[in-house]
Each structure stands twice: as C-alpha cells, then as structure tokens.
Amino acid sequence: MNTDIHIISNQPEKHLEIISKLEEIGYLFLDKEYKKVSNEDQYILIFSRKTSERNLDTLKENIQVELNNIIPNLYSDIEIKVSY
C-alpha cells in the first residue's frame, strides 16, 4: 500500500537536501506546499512511499529514524504527518 508523508519544515534552505536524500532511499516526491498559519510560514514537502506497515505511529517512528540517519539533527526542525 502507498503512504502519504507530509514533512513540515520551515527551513527552505534544507528542502533540496531532504528531497534528494529521501528519493535515494525510495521515497517519491510529489509536491511542495506553502501555507500561512498563525502569522507563520509553513512549508510542506509531500512524499509517497510503498509500505506494508499498518500502524501509523510505528510508520512515523520509522520515518523519523530514517531521516535522522540520512540527515543528522534534522528531526528537531521538522514535523511529520503520515496517512494512507
């Protein structure tokens, strides 16, 4: 099954690196969105990935670990949302 992954990162200077690194390990980059939320800019990178994991919490933890392994110290600067 495919999972949609939304990575919220307010550091646009890191977006190309995030996209490149995730594509290297099997994520498909779909889109980049911009929103203004409570007077704050919010940038959302949207990816898709095939997975057999059905537990969203476990999937989110796995994504956090993968991101931290490929881009150390990034996770403290982002928020991850996953859905089927």
C-alpha atoms as a PDB file:
ATOM      1  CA  MET A   1       0.000   0.000   0.000  1.00  0.00           C
ATOM      2  CA  ASN A   2       1.114   3.587  -0.564  1.00  0.00           C
ATOM      3  CA  THR A   3       1.533   6.012   2.288  1.00  0.00           C
ATOM      4  CA  ASP A   4       1.485   9.801   2.008  1.00  0.00           C
ATOM      5  CA  ILE A   5       4.111  11.522   4.112  1.00  0.00           C
ATOM      6  CA  HIS A   6       3.926  15.231   4.862  1.00  0.00           C
ATOM      7  CA  ILE A   7       7.133  16.723   6.198  1.00  0.00           C
ATOM      8  CA  ILE A   8       6.627  20.182   7.623  1.00  0.00           C
ATOM      9  CA  SER A   9       9.884  22.101   7.582  1.00  0.00           C
ATOM     10  CA  ASN A  10      10.277  25.828   7.947  1.00  0.00           C
ATOM     11  CA  GLN A  11      13.848  25.738   6.714  1.00  0.00           C
ATOM     12  CA  PRO A  12      13.524  26.051   2.922  1.00  0.00           C
ATOM     13  CA  GLU A  13      17.302  26.013   2.540  1.00  0.00           C
ATOM     14  CA  LYS A  14      17.243  22.312   3.558  1.00  0.00           C
ATOM     15  CA  HIS A  15      14.404  21.251   1.248  1.00  0.00           C
ATOM     16  CA  LEU A  16      16.551  20.230  -1.730  1.00  0.00           C
ATOM     17  CA  GLU A  17      18.721  18.088   0.538  1.00  0.00           C
ATOM     18  CA  ILE A  18      15.677  16.469   2.174  1.00  0.00           C
ATOM     19  CA  ILE A  19      14.085  15.705  -1.211  1.00  0.00           C
ATOM     20  CA  SER A  20      17.315  14.333  -2.686  1.00  0.00           C
ATOM     21  CA  LYS A  21      18.155  12.115   0.290  1.00  0.00           C
ATOM     22  CA  LEU A  22      14.634  10.695   0.585  1.00  0.00           C
ATOM     23  CA  GLU A  23      14.437   9.936  -3.133  1.00  0.00           C
ATOM     24  CA  GLU A  24      17.709   7.995  -2.794  1.00  0.00           C
ATOM     25  CA  ILE A  25      16.053   5.613  -0.307  1.00  0.00           C
ATOM     26  CA  GLY A  26      12.794   5.073  -2.165  1.00  0.00           C
ATOM     27  CA  TYR A  27      10.507   7.995  -1.382  1.00  0.00           C
ATOM     28  CA  LEU A  28       8.639   9.582  -4.296  1.00  0.00           C
ATOM     29  CA  PHE A  29       8.493  13.386  -4.107  1.00  0.00           C
ATOM     30  CA  LEU A  30       5.001  14.592  -5.053  1.00  0.00           C
ATOM     31  CA  ASP A  31       4.646  18.265  -4.218  1.00  0.00           C
ATOM     32  CA  LYS A  32       5.674  21.240  -2.113  1.00  0.00           C
ATOM     33  CA  GLU A  33       3.030  23.421  -0.475  1.00  0.00           C
ATOM     34  CA  TYR A  34       3.190  26.752   1.295  1.00  0.00           C
ATOM     35  CA  LYS A  35       0.704  27.964   3.907  1.00  0.00           C
ATOM     36  CA  LYS A  36       0.455  30.916   6.224  1.00  0.00           C
ATOM     37  CA  VAL A  37      -0.582  29.618   9.664  1.00  0.00           C
ATOM     38  CA  SER A  38      -0.965  31.968  12.633  1.00  0.00           C
ATOM     39  CA  ASN A  39       1.313  34.584  11.060  1.00  0.00           C
ATOM     40  CA  GLU A  40       3.931  31.915  10.425  1.00  0.00           C
ATOM     41  CA  ASP A  41       5.116  30.489   7.120  1.00  0.00           C
ATOM     42  CA  GLN A  42       4.690  26.738   6.842  1.00  0.00           C
ATOM     43  CA  TYR A  43       6.356  24.665   4.134  1.00  0.00           C
ATOM     44  CA  ILE A  44       5.146  21.128   3.493  1.00  0.00           C
ATOM     45  CA  LEU A  45       7.037  18.564   1.427  1.00  0.00           C
ATOM     46  CA  ILE A  46       4.758  15.746   0.287  1.00  0.00           C
ATOM     47  CA  PHE A  47       6.111  12.283  -0.484  1.00  0.00           C
ATOM     48  CA  SER A  48       4.645   8.882  -1.220  1.00  0.00           C
ATOM     49  CA  ARG A  49       6.118   5.507  -0.374  1.00  0.00           C
ATOM     50  CA  LYS A  50       5.069   1.891  -0.539  1.00  0.00           C
ATOM     51  CA  THR A  51       4.893   0.192   2.842  1.00  0.00           C
ATOM     52  CA  SER A  52       3.435  -2.863   4.481  1.00  0.00           C
ATOM     53  CA  GLU A  53       3.357  -1.182   7.905  1.00  0.00           C
ATOM     54  CA  ARG A  54      -0.238  -0.661   9.017  1.00  0.00           C
ATOM     55  CA  ASN A  55       0.405   1.106  12.313  1.00  0.00           C
ATOM     56  CA  LEU A  56       0.754   4.841  11.614  1.00  0.00           C
ATOM     57  CA  ASP A  57       2.666   5.517  14.847  1.00  0.00           C
ATOM     58  CA  THR A  58       5.232   2.839  14.018  1.00  0.00           C
ATOM     59  CA  LEU A  59       5.489   4.131  10.469  1.00  0.00           C
ATOM     60  CA  LYS A  60       6.070   7.671  11.713  1.00  0.00           C
ATOM     61  CA  GLU A  61       8.800   6.449  14.090  1.00  0.00           C
ATOM     62  CA  ASN A  62      10.469   4.525  11.252  1.00  0.00           C
ATOM     63  CA  ILE A  63      10.453   7.629   9.059  1.00  0.00           C
ATOM     64  CA  GLN A  64      11.942   9.688  11.894  1.00  0.00           C
ATOM     65  CA  VAL A  65      14.770   7.166  12.282  1.00  0.00           C
ATOM     66  CA  GLU A  66      15.432   7.096   8.517  1.00  0.00           C
ATOM     67  CA  LEU A  67      15.529  10.880   8.330  1.00  0.00           C
ATOM     68  CA  ASN A  68      17.853  11.132  11.315  1.00  0.00           C
ATOM     69  CA  ASN A  69      20.180   8.536   9.780  1.00  0.00           C
ATOM     70  CA  ILE A  70      20.448  10.298   6.413  1.00  0.00           C
ATOM     71  CA  ILE A  71      20.329  13.913   7.644  1.00  0.00           C
ATOM     72  CA  PRO A  72      21.566  14.051  11.264  1.00  0.00           C
ATOM     73  CA  ASN A  73      19.970  16.613  13.599  1.00  0.00           C
ATOM     74  CA  LEU A  74      17.200  17.377  11.115  1.00  0.00           C
ATOM     75  CA  TYR A  75      14.317  15.859  13.032  1.00  0.00           C
ATOM     76  CA  SER A  76      14.275  18.581  15.701  1.00  0.00           C
ATOM     77  CA  ASP A  77      13.413  21.071  12.933  1.00  0.00           C
ATOM     78  CA  ILE A  78      10.528  19.208  11.294  1.00  0.00           C
ATOM     79  CA  GLU A  79       7.123  17.687  11.917  1.00  0.00           C
ATOM     80  CA  ILE A  80       5.963  14.501  10.184  1.00  0.00           C
ATOM     81  CA  LYS A  81       2.384  13.515   9.345  1.00  0.00           C
ATOM     82  CA  VAL A  82       1.517  10.187   7.707  1.00  0.00           C
ATOM     83  CA  SER A  83      -1.698   8.821   6.204  1.00  0.00           C
ATOM     84  CA  TYR A  84      -2.906   6.045   3.906  1.00  0.00           C
END
